[in-house]
Structures are given as C-alpha cells and as structure tokens.
Amino acid sequence: MNADQILAEIREANLSYLMLAQSLIRGDREQALFRLGVSEDTATMIAALTPAQMMKIASGNTLLCRFRMDDDLVWSLLTSHGKGAANESVSRLHASILMAGRHQEAA
C-alpha cells in the first residue's frame, strides 16, 4: 500500500467514524458517551457538525479515533488467548468495566 492509498484509507475511516459518532450521539447520548469515550463537550460539538465540516475534519492525515485499551491487561482480557467460551464472556465484561472506568476518569 502506497502513501496515497494510506491517506485515502485514513480519510475514509475518519469520515465513517464521524458519521457513526454523530448518529450514536443523536440516537442515545449516554450510550454514545460510553461507547465513544468522549466528554459531553466533545459530543455536543460532534452532534452539531455540518456535513461540510465533517468532510473537512475527515480529510486530515491523522486518524481521529484511537484505541482506548492501552495496556496489556485490557488487551489480554479482550483477546482471551487460550480461554474457554465461558471465561471469554467474563473477560470481555471485565475489559468493558475497566474501559468504562477510564472513560469516567477522563471526563
């Protein structure tokens, strides 16, 4: 993949992310705050973006979304390497709780 293709992929991902975020925020704000890991102020700004503003923001060369699981514990819980299906559900729940707690710390 060359540099132009990578930039095109980033722009497409950014636009998709903004459209999804806006839809989630307009549909169920509290769920959107949790799922997106954004503050009230950020959610208000995203909800108010016009299509032209979204296109302009999406056209940058940096991804707008980022991983919220930035430590080994959460990654281990999400991937559940070598664990059975019953433990996988518990691990995913534990990871969700950890990420939700981090959202609250950031807000």
PDB file of N, CA and C in Angstrom:
ATOM      1  N   MET A   1       0.852  -1.168   0.000  1.00  0.00           N
ATOM      2  CA  MET A   1       0.000   0.000   0.000  1.00  0.00           C
ATOM      3  C   MET A   1       0.903   1.238   0.000  1.00  0.00           C
ATOM      4  N   ASN A   2       0.655   2.140  -0.929  1.00  0.00           N
ATOM      5  CA  ASN A   2       1.489   3.345  -1.004  1.00  0.00           C
ATOM      6  C   ASN A   2       0.900   4.467  -0.137  1.00  0.00           C
ATOM      7  N   ALA A   3       1.620   5.570  -0.052  1.00  0.00           N
ATOM      8  CA  ALA A   3       1.235   6.680   0.828  1.00  0.00           C
ATOM      9  C   ALA A   3      -0.132   7.262   0.459  1.00  0.00           C
ATOM     10  N   ASP A   4      -0.415   7.385  -0.825  1.00  0.00           N
ATOM     11  CA  ASP A   4      -1.711   7.923  -1.248  1.00  0.00           C
ATOM     12  C   ASP A   4      -2.863   7.016  -0.831  1.00  0.00           C
ATOM     13  N   GLN A   5      -2.658   5.711  -0.958  1.00  0.00           N
ATOM     14  CA  GLN A   5      -3.688   4.760  -0.545  1.00  0.00           C
ATOM     15  C   GLN A   5      -3.912   4.811   0.965  1.00  0.00           C
ATOM     16  N   ILE A   6      -2.836   4.930   1.727  1.00  0.00           N
ATOM     17  CA  ILE A   6      -2.955   5.018   3.179  1.00  0.00           C
ATOM     18  C   ILE A   6      -3.728   6.270   3.580  1.00  0.00           C
ATOM     19  N   LEU A   7      -3.406   7.406   2.958  1.00  0.00           N
ATOM     20  CA  LEU A   7      -4.131   8.645   3.256  1.00  0.00           C
ATOM     21  C   LEU A   7      -5.607   8.538   2.896  1.00  0.00           C
ATOM     22  N   ALA A   8      -5.900   7.913   1.779  1.00  0.00           N
ATOM     23  CA  ALA A   8      -7.297   7.722   1.376  1.00  0.00           C
ATOM     24  C   ALA A   8      -8.029   6.849   2.392  1.00  0.00           C
ATOM     25  N   GLU A   9      -7.379   5.800   2.876  1.00  0.00           N
ATOM     26  CA  GLU A   9      -7.976   4.920   3.888  1.00  0.00           C
ATOM     27  C   GLU A   9      -8.217   5.669   5.195  1.00  0.00           C
ATOM     28  N   ILE A  10      -7.263   6.508   5.594  1.00  0.00           N
ATOM     29  CA  ILE A  10      -7.410   7.302   6.814  1.00  0.00           C
ATOM     30  C   ILE A  10      -8.588   8.254   6.682  1.00  0.00           C
ATOM     31  N   ARG A  11      -8.693   8.915   5.557  1.00  0.00           N
ATOM     32  CA  ARG A  11      -9.807   9.860   5.334  1.00  0.00           C
ATOM     33  C   ARG A  11     -11.151   9.138   5.368  1.00  0.00           C
ATOM     34  N   GLU A  12     -11.206   7.974   4.750  1.00  0.00           N
ATOM     35  CA  GLU A  12     -12.446   7.193   4.751  1.00  0.00           C
ATOM     36  C   GLU A  12     -12.804   6.744   6.164  1.00  0.00           C
ATOM     37  N   ALA A  13     -11.810   6.272   6.913  1.00  0.00           N
ATOM     38  CA  ALA A  13     -12.044   5.849   8.300  1.00  0.00           C
ATOM     39  C   ALA A  13     -12.509   7.032   9.145  1.00  0.00           C
ATOM     40  N   ASN A  14     -11.896   8.199   8.952  1.00  0.00           N
ATOM     41  CA  ASN A  14     -12.293   9.388   9.703  1.00  0.00           C
ATOM     42  C   ASN A  14     -13.739   9.780   9.427  1.00  0.00           C
ATOM     43  N   LEU A  15     -14.116   9.782   8.154  1.00  0.00           N
ATOM     44  CA  LEU A  15     -15.482  10.153   7.810  1.00  0.00           C
ATOM     45  C   LEU A  15     -16.474   9.137   8.366  1.00  0.00           C
ATOM     46  N   SER A  16     -16.151   7.863   8.242  1.00  0.00           N
ATOM     47  CA  SER A  16     -17.029   6.820   8.793  1.00  0.00           C
ATOM     48  C   SER A  16     -17.168   6.974  10.301  1.00  0.00           C
ATOM     49  N   TYR A  17     -16.055   7.243  10.973  1.00  0.00           N
ATOM     50  CA  TYR A  17     -16.073   7.416  12.424  1.00  0.00           C
ATOM     51  C   TYR A  17     -16.940   8.615  12.820  1.00  0.00           C
ATOM     52  N   LEU A  18     -16.763   9.736  12.140  1.00  0.00           N
ATOM     53  CA  LEU A  18     -17.558  10.919  12.459  1.00  0.00           C
ATOM     54  C   LEU A  18     -19.047  10.688  12.223  1.00  0.00           C
ATOM     55  N   MET A  19     -19.376  10.024  11.130  1.00  0.00           N
ATOM     56  CA  MET A  19     -20.784   9.747  10.826  1.00  0.00           C
ATOM     57  C   MET A  19     -21.387   8.814  11.877  1.00  0.00           C
ATOM     58  N   LEU A  20     -20.649   7.783  12.249  1.00  0.00           N
ATOM     59  CA  LEU A  20     -21.120   6.861  13.276  1.00  0.00           C
ATOM     60  C   LEU A  20     -21.262   7.584  14.614  1.00  0.00           C
ATOM     61  N   ALA A  21     -20.256   8.364  14.980  1.00  0.00           N
ATOM     62  CA  ALA A  21     -20.296   9.091  16.250  1.00  0.00           C
ATOM     63  C   ALA A  21     -21.505  10.023  16.300  1.00  0.00           C
ATOM     64  N   GLN A  22     -21.728  10.751  15.234  1.00  0.00           N
ATOM     65  CA  GLN A  22     -22.855  11.677  15.194  1.00  0.00           C
ATOM     66  C   GLN A  22     -24.182  10.931  15.318  1.00  0.00           C
ATOM     67  N   SER A  23     -24.294   9.820  14.631  1.00  0.00           N
ATOM     68  CA  SER A  23     -25.514   9.014  14.705  1.00  0.00           C
ATOM     69  C   SER A  23     -25.745   8.467  16.119  1.00  0.00           C
ATOM     70  N   LEU A  24     -24.684   7.951  16.737  1.00  0.00           N
ATOM     71  CA  LEU A  24     -24.800   7.427  18.105  1.00  0.00           C
ATOM     72  C   LEU A  24     -25.205   8.530  19.076  1.00  0.00           C
ATOM     73  N   ILE A  25     -24.574   9.686  18.954  1.00  0.00           N
ATOM     74  CA  ILE A  25     -24.857  10.802  19.867  1.00  0.00           C
ATOM     75  C   ILE A  25     -26.294  11.270  19.722  1.00  0.00           C
ATOM     76  N   ARG A  26     -26.758  11.362  18.509  1.00  0.00           N
ATOM     77  CA  ARG A  26     -28.140  11.809  18.278  1.00  0.00           C
ATOM     78  C   ARG A  26     -29.160  10.757  18.699  1.00  0.00           C
ATOM     79  N   GLY A  27     -28.777   9.490  18.615  1.00  0.00           N
ATOM     80  CA  GLY A  27     -29.698   8.400  18.952  1.00  0.00           C
ATOM     81  C   GLY A  27     -29.810   8.140  20.439  1.00  0.00           C
ATOM     82  N   ASP A  28     -28.699   8.058  21.139  1.00  0.00           N
ATOM     83  CA  ASP A  28     -28.681   7.775  22.580  1.00  0.00           C
ATOM     84  C   ASP A  28     -27.401   8.368  23.153  1.00  0.00           C
ATOM     85  N   ARG A  29     -27.506   9.576  23.617  1.00  0.00           N
ATOM     86  CA  ARG A  29     -26.339  10.343  24.045  1.00  0.00           C
ATOM     87  C   ARG A  29     -25.529   9.639  25.136  1.00  0.00           C
ATOM     88  N   GLU A  30     -26.188   9.114  26.159  1.00  0.00           N
ATOM     89  CA  GLU A  30     -25.463   8.465  27.262  1.00  0.00           C
ATOM     90  C   GLU A  30     -24.695   7.241  26.775  1.00  0.00           C
ATOM     91  N   GLN A  31     -25.319   6.421  25.948  1.00  0.00           N
ATOM     92  CA  GLN A  31     -24.635   5.258  25.386  1.00  0.00           C
ATOM     93  C   GLN A  31     -23.472   5.707  24.505  1.00  0.00           C
ATOM     94  N   ALA A  32     -23.679   6.767  23.754  1.00  0.00           N
ATOM     95  CA  ALA A  32     -22.623   7.270  22.869  1.00  0.00           C
ATOM     96  C   ALA A  32     -21.413   7.737  23.673  1.00  0.00           C
ATOM     97  N   LEU A  33     -21.656   8.442  24.762  1.00  0.00           N
ATOM     98  CA  LEU A  33     -20.547   8.902  25.602  1.00  0.00           C
ATOM     99  C   LEU A  33     -19.726   7.719  26.085  1.00  0.00           C
ATOM    100  N   PHE A  34     -20.405   6.672  26.517  1.00  0.00           N
ATOM    101  CA  PHE A  34     -19.714   5.471  26.984  1.00  0.00           C
ATOM    102  C   PHE A  34     -18.995   4.761  25.842  1.00  0.00           C
ATOM    103  N   ARG A  35     -19.703   4.500  24.756  1.00  0.00           N
ATOM    104  CA  ARG A  35     -19.122   3.732  23.652  1.00  0.00           C
ATOM    105  C   ARG A  35     -17.991   4.464  22.934  1.00  0.00           C
ATOM    106  N   LEU A  36     -18.120   5.763  22.795  1.00  0.00           N
ATOM    107  CA  LEU A  36     -17.088   6.548  22.104  1.00  0.00           C
ATOM    108  C   LEU A  36     -15.974   6.991  23.045  1.00  0.00           C
ATOM    109  N   GLY A  37     -16.265   7.050  24.335  1.00  0.00           N
ATOM    110  CA  GLY A  37     -15.265   7.502  25.296  1.00  0.00           C
ATOM    111  C   GLY A  37     -14.957   8.982  25.163  1.00  0.00           C
ATOM    112  N   VAL A  38     -16.002   9.779  24.877  1.00  0.00           N
ATOM    113  CA  VAL A  38     -15.810  11.216  24.714  1.00  0.00           C
ATOM    114  C   VAL A  38     -16.543  11.968  25.814  1.00  0.00           C
ATOM    115  N   SER A  39     -16.165  13.220  26.002  1.00  0.00           N
ATOM    116  CA  SER A  39     -16.794  14.070  27.007  1.00  0.00           C
ATOM    117  C   SER A  39     -18.109  14.647  26.473  1.00  0.00           C
ATOM    118  N   GLU A  40     -18.880  15.238  27.369  1.00  0.00           N
ATOM    119  CA  GLU A  40     -20.126  15.916  26.978  1.00  0.00           C
ATOM    120  C   GLU A  40     -19.845  17.019  25.963  1.00  0.00           C
ATOM    121  N   ASP A  41     -18.802  17.804  26.227  1.00  0.00           N
ATOM    122  CA  ASP A  41     -18.464  18.911  25.327  1.00  0.00           C
ATOM    123  C   ASP A  41     -18.112  18.414  23.927  1.00  0.00           C
ATOM    124  N   THR A  42     -17.331  17.339  23.866  1.00  0.00           N
ATOM    125  CA  THR A  42     -16.958  16.771  22.567  1.00  0.00           C
ATOM    126  C   THR A  42     -18.187  16.233  21.848  1.00  0.00           C
ATOM    127  N   ALA A  43     -19.068  15.563  22.595  1.00  0.00           N
ATOM    128  CA  ALA A  43     -20.288  15.021  21.995  1.00  0.00           C
ATOM    129  C   ALA A  43     -21.161  16.136  21.439  1.00  0.00           C
ATOM    130  N   THR A  44     -21.264  17.230  22.157  1.00  0.00           N
ATOM    131  CA  THR A  44     -22.058  18.368  21.693  1.00  0.00           C
ATOM    132  C   THR A  44     -21.482  18.926  20.398  1.00  0.00           C
ATOM    133  N   MET A  45     -20.161  19.044  20.348  1.00  0.00           N
ATOM    134  CA  MET A  45     -19.510  19.569  19.150  1.00  0.00           C
ATOM    135  C   MET A  45     -19.718  18.622  17.955  1.00  0.00           C
ATOM    136  N   ILE A  46     -19.533  17.318  18.169  1.00  0.00           N
ATOM    137  CA  ILE A  46     -19.702  16.347  17.078  1.00  0.00           C
ATOM    138  C   ILE A  46     -21.144  16.360  16.570  1.00  0.00           C
ATOM    139  N   ALA A  47     -22.104  16.414  17.483  1.00  0.00           N
ATOM    140  CA  ALA A  47     -23.522  16.407  17.092  1.00  0.00           C
ATOM    141  C   ALA A  47     -23.885  17.616  16.240  1.00  0.00           C
ATOM    142  N   ALA A  48     -23.187  18.728  16.445  1.00  0.00           N
ATOM    143  CA  ALA A  48     -23.515  19.965  15.732  1.00  0.00           C
ATOM    144  C   ALA A  48     -22.779  20.119  14.401  1.00  0.00           C
ATOM    145  N   LEU A  49     -21.876  19.214  14.068  1.00  0.00           N
ATOM    146  CA  LEU A  49     -21.105  19.338  12.829  1.00  0.00           C
ATOM    147  C   LEU A  49     -22.003  19.238  11.600  1.00  0.00           C
ATOM    148  N   THR A  50     -21.749  20.099  10.633  1.00  0.00           N
ATOM    149  CA  THR A  50     -22.441  20.024   9.351  1.00  0.00           C
ATOM    150  C   THR A  50     -21.710  19.001   8.471  1.00  0.00           C
ATOM    151  N   PRO A  51     -22.352  18.523   7.414  1.00  0.00           N
ATOM    152  CA  PRO A  51     -21.644  17.609   6.507  1.00  0.00           C
ATOM    153  C   PRO A  51     -20.349  18.206   5.951  1.00  0.00           C
ATOM    154  N   ALA A  52     -20.358  19.487   5.628  1.00  0.00           N
ATOM    155  CA  ALA A  52     -19.147  20.127   5.096  1.00  0.00           C
ATOM    156  C   ALA A  52     -18.039  20.144   6.144  1.00  0.00           C
ATOM    157  N   GLN A  53     -18.398  20.417   7.393  1.00  0.00           N
ATOM    158  CA  GLN A  53     -17.403  20.407   8.458  1.00  0.00           C
ATOM    159  C   GLN A  53     -16.841  18.999   8.674  1.00  0.00           C
ATOM    160  N   MET A  54     -17.716  18.008   8.600  1.00  0.00           N
ATOM    161  CA  MET A  54     -17.260  16.626   8.762  1.00  0.00           C
ATOM    162  C   MET A  54     -16.288  16.245   7.652  1.00  0.00           C
ATOM    163  N   MET A  55     -16.582  16.637   6.431  1.00  0.00           N
ATOM    164  CA  MET A  55     -15.688  16.346   5.309  1.00  0.00           C
ATOM    165  C   MET A  55     -14.327  17.019   5.509  1.00  0.00           C
ATOM    166  N   LYS A  56     -14.352  18.263   5.967  1.00  0.00           N
ATOM    167  CA  LYS A  56     -13.108  18.998   6.180  1.00  0.00           C
ATOM    168  C   LYS A  56     -12.278  18.344   7.282  1.00  0.00           C
ATOM    169  N   ILE A  57     -12.910  17.996   8.391  1.00  0.00           N
ATOM    170  CA  ILE A  57     -12.202  17.357   9.503  1.00  0.00           C
ATOM    171  C   ILE A  57     -11.669  15.991   9.080  1.00  0.00           C
ATOM    172  N   ALA A  58     -12.468  15.232   8.355  1.00  0.00           N
ATOM    173  CA  ALA A  58     -12.083  13.875   7.940  1.00  0.00           C
ATOM    174  C   ALA A  58     -10.925  13.874   6.958  1.00  0.00           C
ATOM    175  N   SER A  59     -10.708  14.977   6.267  1.00  0.00           N
ATOM    176  CA  SER A  59      -9.702  14.993   5.212  1.00  0.00           C
ATOM    177  C   SER A  59      -8.267  15.118   5.711  1.00  0.00           C
ATOM    178  N   GLY A  60      -8.077  15.160   7.004  1.00  0.00           N
ATOM    179  CA  GLY A  60      -6.726  15.236   7.552  1.00  0.00           C
ATOM    180  C   GLY A  60      -5.959  13.938   7.354  1.00  0.00           C
ATOM    181  N   ASN A  61      -4.703  13.946   7.757  1.00  0.00           N
ATOM    182  CA  ASN A  61      -3.876  12.754   7.568  1.00  0.00           C
ATOM    183  C   ASN A  61      -3.641  11.975   8.861  1.00  0.00           C
ATOM    184  N   THR A  62      -4.426  12.283   9.888  1.00  0.00           N
ATOM    185  CA  THR A  62      -4.315  11.609  11.180  1.00  0.00           C
ATOM    186  C   THR A  62      -5.646  10.981  11.538  1.00  0.00           C
ATOM    187  N   LEU A  63      -5.617   9.769  12.037  1.00  0.00           N
ATOM    188  CA  LEU A  63      -6.847   9.107  12.470  1.00  0.00           C
ATOM    189  C   LEU A  63      -7.470   9.855  13.634  1.00  0.00           C
ATOM    190  N   LEU A  64      -8.781  10.047  13.586  1.00  0.00           N
ATOM    191  CA  LEU A  64      -9.486  10.723  14.657  1.00  0.00           C
ATOM    192  C   LEU A  64      -9.791   9.800  15.824  1.00  0.00           C
ATOM    193  N   CYS A  65     -10.045   8.557  15.541  1.00  0.00           N
ATOM    194  CA  CYS A  65     -10.350   7.608  16.612  1.00  0.00           C
ATOM    195  C   CYS A  65      -9.052   6.977  17.113  1.00  0.00           C
ATOM    196  N   ARG A  66      -9.103   6.482  18.336  1.00  0.00           N
ATOM    197  CA  ARG A  66      -7.923   5.839  18.892  1.00  0.00           C
ATOM    198  C   ARG A  66      -8.366   4.673  19.765  1.00  0.00           C
ATOM    199  N   PHE A  67      -7.434   3.772  20.027  1.00  0.00           N
ATOM    200  CA  PHE A  67      -7.721   2.646  20.905  1.00  0.00           C
ATOM    201  C   PHE A  67      -7.806   3.141  22.342  1.00  0.00           C
ATOM    202  N   ARG A  68      -8.817   2.657  23.067  1.00  0.00           N
ATOM    203  CA  ARG A  68      -8.925   3.009  24.479  1.00  0.00           C
ATOM    204  C   ARG A  68      -8.290   1.957  25.369  1.00  0.00           C
ATOM    205  N   MET A  69      -7.911   0.835  24.787  1.00  0.00           N
ATOM    206  CA  MET A  69      -7.286  -0.214  25.589  1.00  0.00           C
ATOM    207  C   MET A  69      -5.782  -0.132  25.391  1.00  0.00           C
ATOM    208  N   ASP A  70      -5.163   0.678  26.237  1.00  0.00           N
ATOM    209  CA  ASP A  70      -3.760   0.963  26.047  1.00  0.00           C
ATOM    210  C   ASP A  70      -2.843   0.251  27.041  1.00  0.00           C
ATOM    211  N   ASP A  71      -3.307  -0.837  27.601  1.00  0.00           N
ATOM    212  CA  ASP A  71      -2.418  -1.589  28.480  1.00  0.00           C
ATOM    213  C   ASP A  71      -2.600  -3.089  28.256  1.00  0.00           C
ATOM    214  N   ASP A  72      -1.633  -3.833  28.711  1.00  0.00           N
ATOM    215  CA  ASP A  72      -1.617  -5.276  28.489  1.00  0.00           C
ATOM    216  C   ASP A  72      -2.803  -5.995  29.128  1.00  0.00           C
ATOM    217  N   LEU A  73      -3.252  -5.536  30.296  1.00  0.00           N
ATOM    218  CA  LEU A  73      -4.355  -6.202  30.977  1.00  0.00           C
ATOM    219  C   LEU A  73      -5.617  -6.177  30.126  1.00  0.00           C
ATOM    220  N   VAL A  74      -5.985  -5.013  29.619  1.00  0.00           N
ATOM    221  CA  VAL A  74      -7.210  -4.907  28.819  1.00  0.00           C
ATOM    222  C   VAL A  74      -7.075  -5.709  27.527  1.00  0.00           C
ATOM    223  N   TRP A  75      -5.922  -5.618  26.862  1.00  0.00           N
ATOM    224  CA  TRP A  75      -5.719  -6.396  25.633  1.00  0.00           C
ATOM    225  C   TRP A  75      -5.830  -7.887  25.924  1.00  0.00           C
ATOM    226  N   SER A  76      -5.249  -8.322  27.015  1.00  0.00           N
ATOM    227  CA  SER A  76      -5.305  -9.739  27.388  1.00  0.00           C
ATOM    228  C   SER A  76      -6.747 -10.172  27.629  1.00  0.00           C
ATOM    229  N   LEU A  77      -7.510  -9.333  28.317  1.00  0.00           N
ATOM    230  CA  LEU A  77      -8.914  -9.658  28.581  1.00  0.00           C
ATOM    231  C   LEU A  77      -9.729  -9.709  27.295  1.00  0.00           C
ATOM    232  N   LEU A  78      -9.453  -8.787  26.373  1.00  0.00           N
ATOM    233  CA  LEU A  78     -10.215  -8.749  25.119  1.00  0.00           C
ATOM    234  C   LEU A  78      -9.879  -9.913  24.190  1.00  0.00           C
ATOM    235  N   THR A  79      -8.631 -10.303  24.163  1.00  0.00           N
ATOM    236  CA  THR A  79      -8.240 -11.370  23.242  1.00  0.00           C
ATOM    237  C   THR A  79      -8.499 -12.747  23.807  1.00  0.00           C
ATOM    238  N   SER A  80      -8.528 -12.894  25.122  1.00  0.00           N
ATOM    239  CA  SER A  80      -8.834 -14.168  25.798  1.00  0.00           C
ATOM    240  C   SER A  80      -8.063 -15.341  25.215  1.00  0.00           C
ATOM    241  N   HIS A  81      -6.786 -15.170  24.981  1.00  0.00           N
ATOM    242  CA  HIS A  81      -5.977 -16.239  24.396  1.00  0.00           C
ATOM    243  C   HIS A  81      -5.998 -17.486  25.268  1.00  0.00           C
ATOM    244  N   GLY A  82      -6.413 -18.604  24.659  1.00  0.00           N
ATOM    245  CA  GLY A  82      -6.369 -19.902  25.329  1.00  0.00           C
ATOM    246  C   GLY A  82      -7.438 -20.129  26.372  1.00  0.00           C
ATOM    247  N   LYS A  83      -8.451 -19.288  26.417  1.00  0.00           N
ATOM    248  CA  LYS A  83      -9.509 -19.446  27.411  1.00  0.00           C
ATOM    249  C   LYS A  83     -10.756 -20.004  26.754  1.00  0.00           C
ATOM    250  N   GLY A  84     -11.577 -20.672  27.553  1.00  0.00           N
ATOM    251  CA  GLY A  84     -12.827 -21.240  27.058  1.00  0.00           C
ATOM    252  C   GLY A  84     -13.872 -20.172  26.827  1.00  0.00           C
ATOM    253  N   ALA A  85     -14.973 -20.559  26.195  1.00  0.00           N
ATOM    254  CA  ALA A  85     -16.038 -19.615  25.845  1.00  0.00           C
ATOM    255  C   ALA A  85     -16.659 -18.978  27.084  1.00  0.00           C
ATOM    256  N   ALA A  86     -16.830 -19.748  28.177  1.00  0.00           N
ATOM    257  CA  ALA A  86     -17.428 -19.199  29.397  1.00  0.00           C
ATOM    258  C   ALA A  86     -16.532 -18.108  29.979  1.00  0.00           C
ATOM    259  N   ASN A  87     -15.241 -18.353  30.005  1.00  0.00           N
ATOM    260  CA  ASN A  87     -14.310 -17.351  30.529  1.00  0.00           C
ATOM    261  C   ASN A  87     -14.199 -16.149  29.602  1.00  0.00           C
ATOM    262  N   GLU A  88     -14.415 -16.362  28.318  1.00  0.00           N
ATOM    263  CA  GLU A  88     -14.322 -15.265  27.365  1.00  0.00           C
ATOM    264  C   GLU A  88     -15.363 -14.195  27.660  1.00  0.00           C
ATOM    265  N   SER A  89     -16.577 -14.595  27.995  1.00  0.00           N
ATOM    266  CA  SER A  89     -17.630 -13.630  28.313  1.00  0.00           C
ATOM    267  C   SER A  89     -17.270 -12.814  29.545  1.00  0.00           C
ATOM    268  N   VAL A  90     -16.759 -13.482  30.548  1.00  0.00           N
ATOM    269  CA  VAL A  90     -16.364 -12.801  31.782  1.00  0.00           C
ATOM    270  C   VAL A  90     -15.200 -11.850  31.502  1.00  0.00           C
ATOM    271  N   SER A  91     -14.253 -12.294  30.689  1.00  0.00           N
ATOM    272  CA  SER A  91     -13.099 -11.454  30.356  1.00  0.00           C
ATOM    273  C   SER A  91     -13.519 -10.197  29.605  1.00  0.00           C
ATOM    274  N   ARG A  92     -14.438 -10.354  28.659  1.00  0.00           N
ATOM    275  CA  ARG A  92     -14.909  -9.192  27.897  1.00  0.00           C
ATOM    276  C   ARG A  92     -15.662  -8.214  28.808  1.00  0.00           C
ATOM    277  N   LEU A  93     -16.453  -8.756  29.727  1.00  0.00           N
ATOM    278  CA  LEU A  93     -17.167  -7.913  30.675  1.00  0.00           C
ATOM    279  C   LEU A  93     -16.172  -7.150  31.550  1.00  0.00           C
ATOM    280  N   HIS A  94     -15.167  -7.831  32.037  1.00  0.00           N
ATOM    281  CA  HIS A  94     -14.140  -7.198  32.863  1.00  0.00           C
ATOM    282  C   HIS A  94     -13.431  -6.089  32.076  1.00  0.00           C
ATOM    283  N   ALA A  95     -13.091  -6.349  30.831  1.00  0.00           N
ATOM    284  CA  ALA A  95     -12.440  -5.338  29.988  1.00  0.00           C
ATOM    285  C   ALA A  95     -13.357  -4.131  29.796  1.00  0.00           C
ATOM    286  N   SER A  96     -14.642  -4.365  29.585  1.00  0.00           N
ATOM    287  CA  SER A  96     -15.604  -3.261  29.414  1.00  0.00           C
ATOM    288  C   SER A  96     -15.686  -2.410  30.671  1.00  0.00           C
ATOM    289  N   ILE A  97     -15.669  -3.060  31.821  1.00  0.00           N
ATOM    290  CA  ILE A  97     -15.714  -2.330  33.088  1.00  0.00           C
ATOM    291  C   ILE A  97     -14.468  -1.466  33.246  1.00  0.00           C
ATOM    292  N   LEU A  98     -13.312  -2.033  32.933  1.00  0.00           N
ATOM    293  CA  LEU A  98     -12.068  -1.264  33.030  1.00  0.00           C
ATOM    294  C   LEU A  98     -12.079  -0.057  32.097  1.00  0.00           C
ATOM    295  N   MET A  99     -12.535  -0.263  30.852  1.00  0.00           N
ATOM    296  CA  MET A  99     -12.556   0.839  29.890  1.00  0.00           C
ATOM    297  C   MET A  99     -13.587   1.897  30.297  1.00  0.00           C
ATOM    298  N   ALA A 100     -14.732   1.462  30.856  1.00  0.00           N
ATOM    299  CA  ALA A 100     -15.742   2.426  31.309  1.00  0.00           C
ATOM    300  C   ALA A 100     -15.190   3.261  32.450  1.00  0.00           C
ATOM    301  N   GLY A 101     -14.437   2.630  33.340  1.00  0.00           N
ATOM    302  CA  GLY A 101     -13.828   3.362  34.447  1.00  0.00           C
ATOM    303  C   GLY A 101     -12.845   4.395  33.957  1.00  0.00           C
ATOM    304  N   ARG A 102     -12.115   4.060  32.936  1.00  0.00           N
ATOM    305  CA  ARG A 102     -11.149   5.007  32.364  1.00  0.00           C
ATOM    306  C   ARG A 102     -11.850   6.157  31.684  1.00  0.00           C
ATOM    307  N   HIS A 103     -13.022   5.868  31.087  1.00  0.00           N
ATOM    308  CA  HIS A 103     -13.819   6.951  30.481  1.00  0.00           C
ATOM    309  C   HIS A 103     -14.238   7.933  31.567  1.00  0.00           C
ATOM    310  N   GLN A 104     -14.682   7.424  32.714  1.00  0.00           N
ATOM    311  CA  GLN A 104     -15.098   8.289  33.806  1.00  0.00           C
ATOM    312  C   GLN A 104     -13.935   9.109  34.347  1.00  0.00           C
ATOM    313  N   GLU A 105     -12.749   8.516  34.402  1.00  0.00           N
ATOM    314  CA  GLU A 105     -11.566   9.228  34.883  1.00  0.00           C
ATOM    315  C   GLU A 105     -11.209  10.378  33.942  1.00  0.00           C
ATOM    316  N   ALA A 106     -11.398  10.169  32.637  1.00  0.00           N
ATOM    317  CA  ALA A 106     -11.044  11.182  31.643  1.00  0.00           C
ATOM    318  C   ALA A 106     -12.073  12.312  31.583  1.00  0.00           C
ATOM    319  N   ALA A 107     -13.309  12.015  31.950  1.00  0.00           N
ATOM    320  CA  ALA A 107     -14.384  13.011  31.835  1.00  0.00           C
ATOM    321  C   ALA A 107     -14.332  14.089  32.892  1.00  0.00           C
TER     322      ALA A 107
END
